[in-house]
Amino acid sequence: MAFKITEECIACGACTPECPNEAISEGDPVYIIQPDRCNECVGFYDTQQCASVCPVDACVADPDHKETNEELLAKKERLHPA
């Protein structure tokens, strides 16, 4: 499932450069993750990079965007064709 950024976000921007899919952008007032670009870093890293660098744990799984591992890998391939 894609991740989302909760209202606990302090808008520090630490997550933005960590996303391999450029799915994170500055929102108002908190940053946002585009679910059609987020693949939980599957195929890139073992953990979600946004969540690992967030100082306030504002990056969490989004239950409204559940996807299988195969779907997440397909999203990676769509965003980063070989």
C-alpha atoms as a PDB file:
ATOM      1  CA  MET A   1       0.000   0.000   0.000  1.00  0.00           C
ATOM      2  CA  ALA A   2       1.154   3.519  -0.609  1.00  0.00           C
ATOM      3  CA  PHE A   3       2.294   5.644   2.265  1.00  0.00           C
ATOM      4  CA  LYS A   4       0.814   8.963   3.340  1.00  0.00           C
ATOM      5  CA  ILE A   5       1.991  11.839   5.477  1.00  0.00           C
ATOM      6  CA  THR A   6      -0.127  12.661   8.493  1.00  0.00           C
ATOM      7  CA  GLU A   7      -0.880  16.021  10.061  1.00  0.00           C
ATOM      8  CA  GLU A   8       1.986  15.403  12.510  1.00  0.00           C
ATOM      9  CA  CYS A   9       4.314  16.494   9.673  1.00  0.00           C
ATOM     10  CA  ILE A  10       6.520  19.419  10.662  1.00  0.00           C
ATOM     11  CA  ALA A  11       7.313  20.244   7.004  1.00  0.00           C
ATOM     12  CA  CYS A  12      11.044  19.711   7.485  1.00  0.00           C
ATOM     13  CA  GLY A  13      11.463  18.224   3.990  1.00  0.00           C
ATOM     14  CA  ALA A  14      13.713  15.369   5.091  1.00  0.00           C
ATOM     15  CA  CYS A  15      11.600  12.830   3.221  1.00  0.00           C
ATOM     16  CA  THR A  16      11.559  14.494  -0.193  1.00  0.00           C
ATOM     17  CA  PRO A  17      15.079  13.661  -1.433  1.00  0.00           C
ATOM     18  CA  GLU A  18      14.819  10.104  -0.069  1.00  0.00           C
ATOM     19  CA  CYS A  19      11.940   9.035  -2.326  1.00  0.00           C
ATOM     20  CA  PRO A  20      13.200   7.107  -5.381  1.00  0.00           C
ATOM     21  CA  ASN A  21       9.939   7.824  -7.236  1.00  0.00           C
ATOM     22  CA  GLU A  22       9.736  11.560  -6.529  1.00  0.00           C
ATOM     23  CA  ALA A  23       6.297  10.921  -5.015  1.00  0.00           C
ATOM     24  CA  ILE A  24       6.638  13.466  -2.210  1.00  0.00           C
ATOM     25  CA  SER A  25       5.927  17.143  -2.645  1.00  0.00           C
ATOM     26  CA  GLU A  26       5.363  20.159  -0.467  1.00  0.00           C
ATOM     27  CA  GLY A  27       1.744  20.610   0.448  1.00  0.00           C
ATOM     28  CA  ASP A  28      -0.078  23.180   2.524  1.00  0.00           C
ATOM     29  CA  PRO A  29       0.612  22.884   5.398  1.00  0.00           C
ATOM     30  CA  VAL A  30       2.158  19.370   5.344  1.00  0.00           C
ATOM     31  CA  TYR A  31       3.992  17.413   2.682  1.00  0.00           C
ATOM     32  CA  ILE A  32       1.997  14.941   0.580  1.00  0.00           C
ATOM     33  CA  ILE A  33       2.720  11.603  -1.082  1.00  0.00           C
ATOM     34  CA  GLN A  34       1.199  10.886  -4.486  1.00  0.00           C
ATOM     35  CA  PRO A  35      -0.215   7.360  -4.124  1.00  0.00           C
ATOM     36  CA  ASP A  36       0.109   6.649  -7.848  1.00  0.00           C
ATOM     37  CA  ARG A  37       3.890   7.151  -7.543  1.00  0.00           C
ATOM     38  CA  CYS A  38       4.529   5.577  -4.115  1.00  0.00           C
ATOM     39  CA  ASN A  39       5.545   1.926  -4.182  1.00  0.00           C
ATOM     40  CA  GLU A  40       6.836   1.708  -0.593  1.00  0.00           C
ATOM     41  CA  CYS A  41      10.383   1.691  -2.009  1.00  0.00           C
ATOM     42  CA  VAL A  42       9.844  -1.938  -3.132  1.00  0.00           C
ATOM     43  CA  GLY A  43      12.641  -2.917  -5.483  1.00  0.00           C
ATOM     44  CA  PHE A  44      14.846  -0.089  -4.213  1.00  0.00           C
ATOM     45  CA  TYR A  45      15.219  -0.527  -0.437  1.00  0.00           C
ATOM     46  CA  ASP A  46      14.216  -2.929   2.321  1.00  0.00           C
ATOM     47  CA  THR A  47      12.368  -0.187   4.219  1.00  0.00           C
ATOM     48  CA  GLN A  48      10.305   2.847   3.318  1.00  0.00           C
ATOM     49  CA  GLN A  49      12.814   5.669   3.134  1.00  0.00           C
ATOM     50  CA  CYS A  50      10.370   8.458   3.976  1.00  0.00           C
ATOM     51  CA  ALA A  51       9.384   6.730   7.207  1.00  0.00           C
ATOM     52  CA  SER A  52      12.975   5.946   8.115  1.00  0.00           C
ATOM     53  CA  VAL A  53      14.082   9.601   7.976  1.00  0.00           C
ATOM     54  CA  CYS A  54      10.958  11.279   9.345  1.00  0.00           C
ATOM     55  CA  PRO A  55      11.779  12.825  12.743  1.00  0.00           C
ATOM     56  CA  VAL A  56       8.142  12.764  13.918  1.00  0.00           C
ATOM     57  CA  ASP A  57       6.896   9.467  12.419  1.00  0.00           C
ATOM     58  CA  ALA A  58       4.430  11.248  10.121  1.00  0.00           C
ATOM     59  CA  CYS A  59       4.947   8.813   7.194  1.00  0.00           C
ATOM     60  CA  VAL A  60       2.586   5.879   7.622  1.00  0.00           C
ATOM     61  CA  ALA A  61       0.929   3.189   5.515  1.00  0.00           C
ATOM     62  CA  ASP A  62      -2.228   4.431   3.787  1.00  0.00           C
ATOM     63  CA  PRO A  63      -5.024   1.873   4.241  1.00  0.00           C
ATOM     64  CA  ASP A  64      -6.939   3.514   1.384  1.00  0.00           C
ATOM     65  CA  HIS A  65      -4.266   2.392  -1.105  1.00  0.00           C
ATOM     66  CA  LYS A  66      -3.610  -1.305  -0.512  1.00  0.00           C
ATOM     67  CA  GLU A  67      -1.443  -3.060  -3.104  1.00  0.00           C
ATOM     68  CA  THR A  68       0.243  -6.421  -3.400  1.00  0.00           C
ATOM     69  CA  ASN A  69       3.989  -6.779  -3.665  1.00  0.00           C
ATOM     70  CA  GLU A  70       3.541  -7.625  -7.345  1.00  0.00           C
ATOM     71  CA  GLU A  71       1.557  -4.422  -7.904  1.00  0.00           C
ATOM     72  CA  LEU A  72       4.237  -2.396  -6.134  1.00  0.00           C
ATOM     73  CA  LEU A  73       6.955  -3.935  -8.327  1.00  0.00           C
ATOM     74  CA  ALA A  74       4.861  -3.231 -11.435  1.00  0.00           C
ATOM     75  CA  LYS A  75       4.542   0.389 -10.348  1.00  0.00           C
ATOM     76  CA  LYS A  76       8.334   0.564 -10.015  1.00  0.00           C
ATOM     77  CA  GLU A  77       8.738  -0.803 -13.547  1.00  0.00           C
ATOM     78  CA  ARG A  78       6.184   1.684 -14.897  1.00  0.00           C
ATOM     79  CA  LEU A  79       7.984   4.616 -13.256  1.00  0.00           C
ATOM     80  CA  HIS A  80      11.499   3.375 -14.062  1.00  0.00           C
ATOM     81  CA  PRO A  81      11.426   1.447 -17.354  1.00  0.00           C
ATOM     82  CA  ALA A  82      14.616  -0.404 -18.139  1.00  0.00           C
END
